[in-house]
Amino acid sequence: MTYARRALLWSGGLLAATAIFSACGDGSSGSSSTKAPPTTPVPSSTSENNPAGDIPDNQVYVPFSPPGGGFSIKVPEGWARSQSGTATTFTDKLNSIRIETMSASAAPTIGSATTQEVPKIRSGAHGFVPGKVTTVHRKAGQAVLITYRADSAPDPVTGKTVTDAVERYDFWHAGREVVLTLSGPTGADNVDPWKLVSDSLRWT
């Protein structure tokens, strides 16, 4: 075979190989085998997430005394406050603390609470489910405790209600009665906060 013939064959093979390479690996085709680097996951929030109605363990409490004095009691700092007659209410999300004071000639008893107070509560509470009427001892002295369940006030935005677990304490001292009502969603773990508040009452 002549030199010219061999050169011609070599040249044709080179062109064919170039065409095949271009068809398989042309970067302009829009297809690339390069993988994108893995996405770095966004870290989740580290803020405390409490079940609905649970009062945080780090909640701060401050003393409150009503106009005219007579007693003081600790309430959660930062809760919204409202006044209606002799009753002061502190609220935050789904929880409520209501403090009412009045004159009373005698201390309440389990009997008086059962025959007088429970019927009044029943008539004014939607979804009322009775609990127990007992006496408990707190630092301010003995109190009558009425427990029950009832529907909460409707949410101002959604109109929905939840079932509240309610603790109502009747304290008495020297002709003055203080009614402390603690309420929050059924199932919320507020045993310690409610104990702290009810145990903080001091006569002055």
Protein backbone atom coordinates (compact mmCIF):
# COMPACT_ATOMS: atom_id res chain seq x y z
CA MET A 1 0.00 0.00 0.00
CA THR A 2 1.35 3.44 -0.94
CA TYR A 3 2.06 6.14 1.57
CA ALA A 4 -0.73 8.35 0.17
CA ARG A 5 -3.24 5.50 0.53
CA ARG A 6 -2.30 4.92 4.17
CA ALA A 7 -2.55 8.64 4.98
CA LEU A 8 -6.01 8.82 3.46
CA LEU A 9 -7.32 5.87 5.54
CA TRP A 10 -5.82 7.28 8.79
CA SER A 11 -7.42 10.65 8.13
CA GLY A 12 -10.87 9.13 7.61
CA GLY A 13 -10.70 7.14 10.84
CA LEU A 14 -9.74 10.23 12.81
CA LEU A 15 -12.73 12.15 11.47
CA ALA A 16 -15.13 9.33 12.37
CA ALA A 17 -13.81 9.10 15.92
CA THR A 18 -14.14 12.87 16.35
CA ALA A 19 -17.80 12.73 15.19
CA ILE A 20 -18.63 9.96 17.69
CA PHE A 21 -16.94 11.80 20.57
CA SER A 22 -18.82 15.01 19.73
CA ALA A 23 -22.18 13.22 19.67
CA CYS A 24 -21.61 11.60 23.10
CA GLY A 25 -19.99 14.38 25.08
CA ASP A 26 -20.89 17.77 23.62
CA GLY A 27 -21.29 20.10 26.58
CA SER A 28 -23.59 22.36 24.57
CA SER A 29 -26.32 19.71 24.46
CA GLY A 30 -27.69 20.89 27.87
CA SER A 31 -27.04 17.52 29.54
CA SER A 32 -24.36 17.35 32.19
CA SER A 33 -23.21 14.50 34.36
CA THR A 34 -22.00 16.89 37.10
CA LYS A 35 -24.16 16.52 40.24
CA ALA A 36 -25.27 19.52 42.28
CA PRO A 37 -23.76 19.70 45.77
CA PRO A 38 -26.06 18.39 48.52
CA THR A 39 -28.37 20.96 50.08
CA THR A 40 -27.42 21.94 53.60
CA PRO A 41 -30.41 21.26 55.88
CA VAL A 42 -31.89 24.28 57.61
CA PRO A 43 -31.54 23.87 61.38
CA SER A 44 -34.81 23.58 63.24
CA SER A 45 -35.87 26.19 65.75
CA THR A 46 -34.48 25.75 69.22
CA SER A 47 -37.27 27.70 70.88
CA GLU A 48 -39.37 25.96 73.53
CA ASN A 49 -42.51 24.32 72.16
CA ASN A 50 -45.07 23.65 74.88
CA PRO A 51 -48.32 21.72 74.40
CA ALA A 52 -51.39 23.94 74.12
CA GLY A 53 -52.14 25.52 77.48
CA ASP A 54 -48.95 24.45 79.25
CA ILE A 55 -47.41 27.37 81.16
CA PRO A 56 -43.61 27.42 80.55
CA ASP A 57 -41.38 26.31 83.39
CA ASN A 58 -39.41 29.56 83.11
CA GLN A 59 -42.51 31.75 83.60
CA VAL A 60 -41.82 34.68 85.96
CA TYR A 61 -44.41 35.63 88.61
CA VAL A 62 -44.97 39.06 90.14
CA PRO A 63 -47.07 40.19 93.14
CA PHE A 64 -50.50 41.73 92.60
CA SER A 65 -52.63 43.63 95.11
CA PRO A 66 -56.15 44.85 94.25
CA PRO A 67 -57.27 48.43 94.80
CA GLY A 68 -57.90 48.81 98.53
CA GLY A 69 -55.40 46.09 99.40
CA GLY A 70 -56.25 43.44 101.95
CA PHE A 71 -54.18 40.74 100.28
CA SER A 72 -51.52 40.09 97.66
CA ILE A 73 -51.04 37.19 95.26
CA LYS A 74 -48.51 36.24 92.61
CA VAL A 75 -49.56 36.25 88.95
CA PRO A 76 -47.61 35.47 85.76
CA GLU A 77 -45.65 38.43 84.46
CA GLY A 78 -46.72 39.74 81.05
CA TRP A 79 -50.26 38.35 81.03
CA ALA A 80 -53.04 40.66 79.82
CA ARG A 81 -55.03 42.26 82.63
CA SER A 82 -58.69 43.29 82.64
CA GLN A 83 -61.02 44.62 85.33
CA SER A 84 -64.73 44.04 85.86
CA GLY A 85 -66.17 45.37 89.10
CA THR A 86 -64.29 43.75 91.99
CA ALA A 87 -62.84 41.03 89.73
CA THR A 88 -59.43 41.20 88.06
CA THR A 89 -58.59 38.72 85.32
CA PHE A 90 -55.18 37.83 83.88
CA THR A 91 -55.11 35.92 80.60
CA ASP A 92 -52.53 34.52 78.22
CA LYS A 93 -53.48 32.43 75.18
CA LEU A 94 -55.67 29.66 76.62
CA ASN A 95 -55.13 30.21 80.35
CA SER A 96 -56.93 32.49 82.77
CA ILE A 97 -56.58 33.64 86.38
CA ARG A 98 -59.58 35.46 87.88
CA ILE A 99 -59.37 37.10 91.30
CA GLU A 100 -62.49 38.47 92.96
CA THR A 101 -62.90 39.91 96.44
CA MET A 102 -66.06 40.53 98.46
CA SER A 103 -67.33 40.88 102.01
CA ALA A 104 -68.51 37.72 103.77
CA SER A 105 -69.65 37.29 107.37
CA ALA A 106 -68.56 33.67 107.60
CA ALA A 107 -66.01 31.36 106.02
CA PRO A 108 -67.27 29.12 103.20
CA THR A 109 -67.69 25.41 103.84
CA ILE A 110 -68.07 22.32 101.67
CA GLY A 111 -71.79 22.44 102.44
CA SER A 112 -72.28 26.09 101.49
CA ALA A 113 -70.19 25.68 98.36
CA THR A 114 -72.18 22.61 97.28
CA THR A 115 -75.61 24.11 97.86
CA GLN A 116 -74.95 27.74 96.91
CA GLU A 117 -71.87 28.15 94.72
CA VAL A 118 -72.04 25.07 92.49
CA PRO A 119 -75.59 25.83 91.25
CA LYS A 120 -74.51 29.38 90.37
CA ILE A 121 -71.50 28.07 88.45
CA ARG A 122 -73.63 25.48 86.65
CA SER A 123 -76.13 28.09 85.47
CA GLY A 124 -73.43 30.39 84.11
CA ALA A 125 -71.03 27.90 82.52
CA HIS A 126 -71.58 26.26 79.13
CA GLY A 127 -70.78 22.56 78.99
CA PHE A 128 -70.56 22.32 82.78
CA VAL A 129 -69.29 18.99 84.14
CA PRO A 130 -69.04 18.84 87.94
CA GLY A 131 -65.89 17.71 89.70
CA LYS A 132 -65.30 17.70 93.45
CA VAL A 133 -65.86 20.03 96.37
CA THR A 134 -63.12 19.68 98.96
CA THR A 135 -61.06 21.67 101.43
CA VAL A 136 -57.35 22.29 100.88
CA HIS A 137 -54.68 23.96 102.96
CA ARG A 138 -52.61 26.78 101.55
CA LYS A 139 -50.23 29.23 103.22
CA ALA A 140 -53.06 31.77 103.56
CA GLY A 141 -55.12 29.18 105.42
CA GLN A 142 -57.83 26.69 104.57
CA ALA A 143 -59.78 27.15 101.35
CA VAL A 144 -62.76 25.44 99.77
CA LEU A 145 -61.81 24.06 96.36
CA ILE A 146 -64.43 23.49 93.64
CA THR A 147 -63.25 21.68 90.50
CA TYR A 148 -65.22 21.33 87.28
CA ARG A 149 -65.01 21.42 83.49
CA ALA A 150 -66.66 23.92 81.17
CA ASP A 151 -66.40 25.41 77.70
CA SER A 152 -63.96 28.28 77.32
CA ALA A 153 -64.99 31.65 75.93
CA PRO A 154 -65.08 31.57 72.10
CA ASP A 155 -61.86 32.50 70.34
CA PRO A 156 -62.30 36.12 69.11
CA VAL A 157 -60.94 35.18 65.67
CA THR A 158 -62.14 31.62 64.98
CA GLY A 159 -65.10 31.45 67.35
CA LYS A 160 -63.96 28.01 68.52
CA THR A 161 -64.05 26.87 72.14
CA VAL A 162 -62.06 24.31 74.12
CA THR A 163 -62.94 22.39 77.25
CA ASP A 164 -61.33 23.99 80.29
CA ALA A 165 -60.36 22.34 83.56
CA VAL A 166 -61.22 24.81 86.32
CA GLU A 167 -60.04 25.15 89.92
CA ARG A 168 -61.98 27.63 92.06
CA TYR A 169 -60.57 28.46 95.50
CA ASP A 170 -62.65 30.28 98.16
CA PHE A 171 -60.41 31.91 100.79
CA TRP A 172 -61.75 33.80 103.83
CA HIS A 173 -60.15 36.02 106.45
CA ALA A 174 -61.64 38.56 108.88
CA GLY A 175 -64.85 39.17 106.95
CA ARG A 176 -63.22 39.21 103.51
CA GLU A 177 -63.58 36.46 100.90
CA VAL A 178 -61.24 36.02 97.94
CA VAL A 179 -62.37 33.79 95.08
CA LEU A 180 -59.47 32.61 92.95
CA THR A 181 -60.44 30.85 89.70
CA LEU A 182 -57.74 29.15 87.62
CA SER A 183 -58.66 27.73 84.22
CA GLY A 184 -56.88 26.19 81.26
CA PRO A 185 -57.40 23.52 78.59
CA THR A 186 -58.15 20.02 79.83
CA GLY A 187 -54.96 17.99 79.65
CA ALA A 188 -52.58 20.93 80.09
CA ASP A 189 -49.92 20.26 82.70
CA ASN A 190 -50.39 23.28 84.95
CA VAL A 191 -50.36 21.54 88.33
CA ASP A 192 -47.22 23.34 89.51
CA PRO A 193 -48.15 26.85 88.24
CA TRP A 194 -51.64 26.62 89.76
CA LYS A 195 -50.17 25.39 93.06
CA LEU A 196 -47.68 28.29 93.04
CA VAL A 197 -50.41 30.88 92.45
CA SER A 198 -52.92 29.47 94.95
CA ASP A 199 -50.17 29.09 97.57
CA SER A 200 -48.94 32.67 97.13
CA LEU A 201 -51.99 34.43 98.60
CA ARG A 202 -51.05 36.57 101.60
CA TRP A 203 -53.42 38.58 103.82
CA THR A 204 -52.19 42.12 104.50
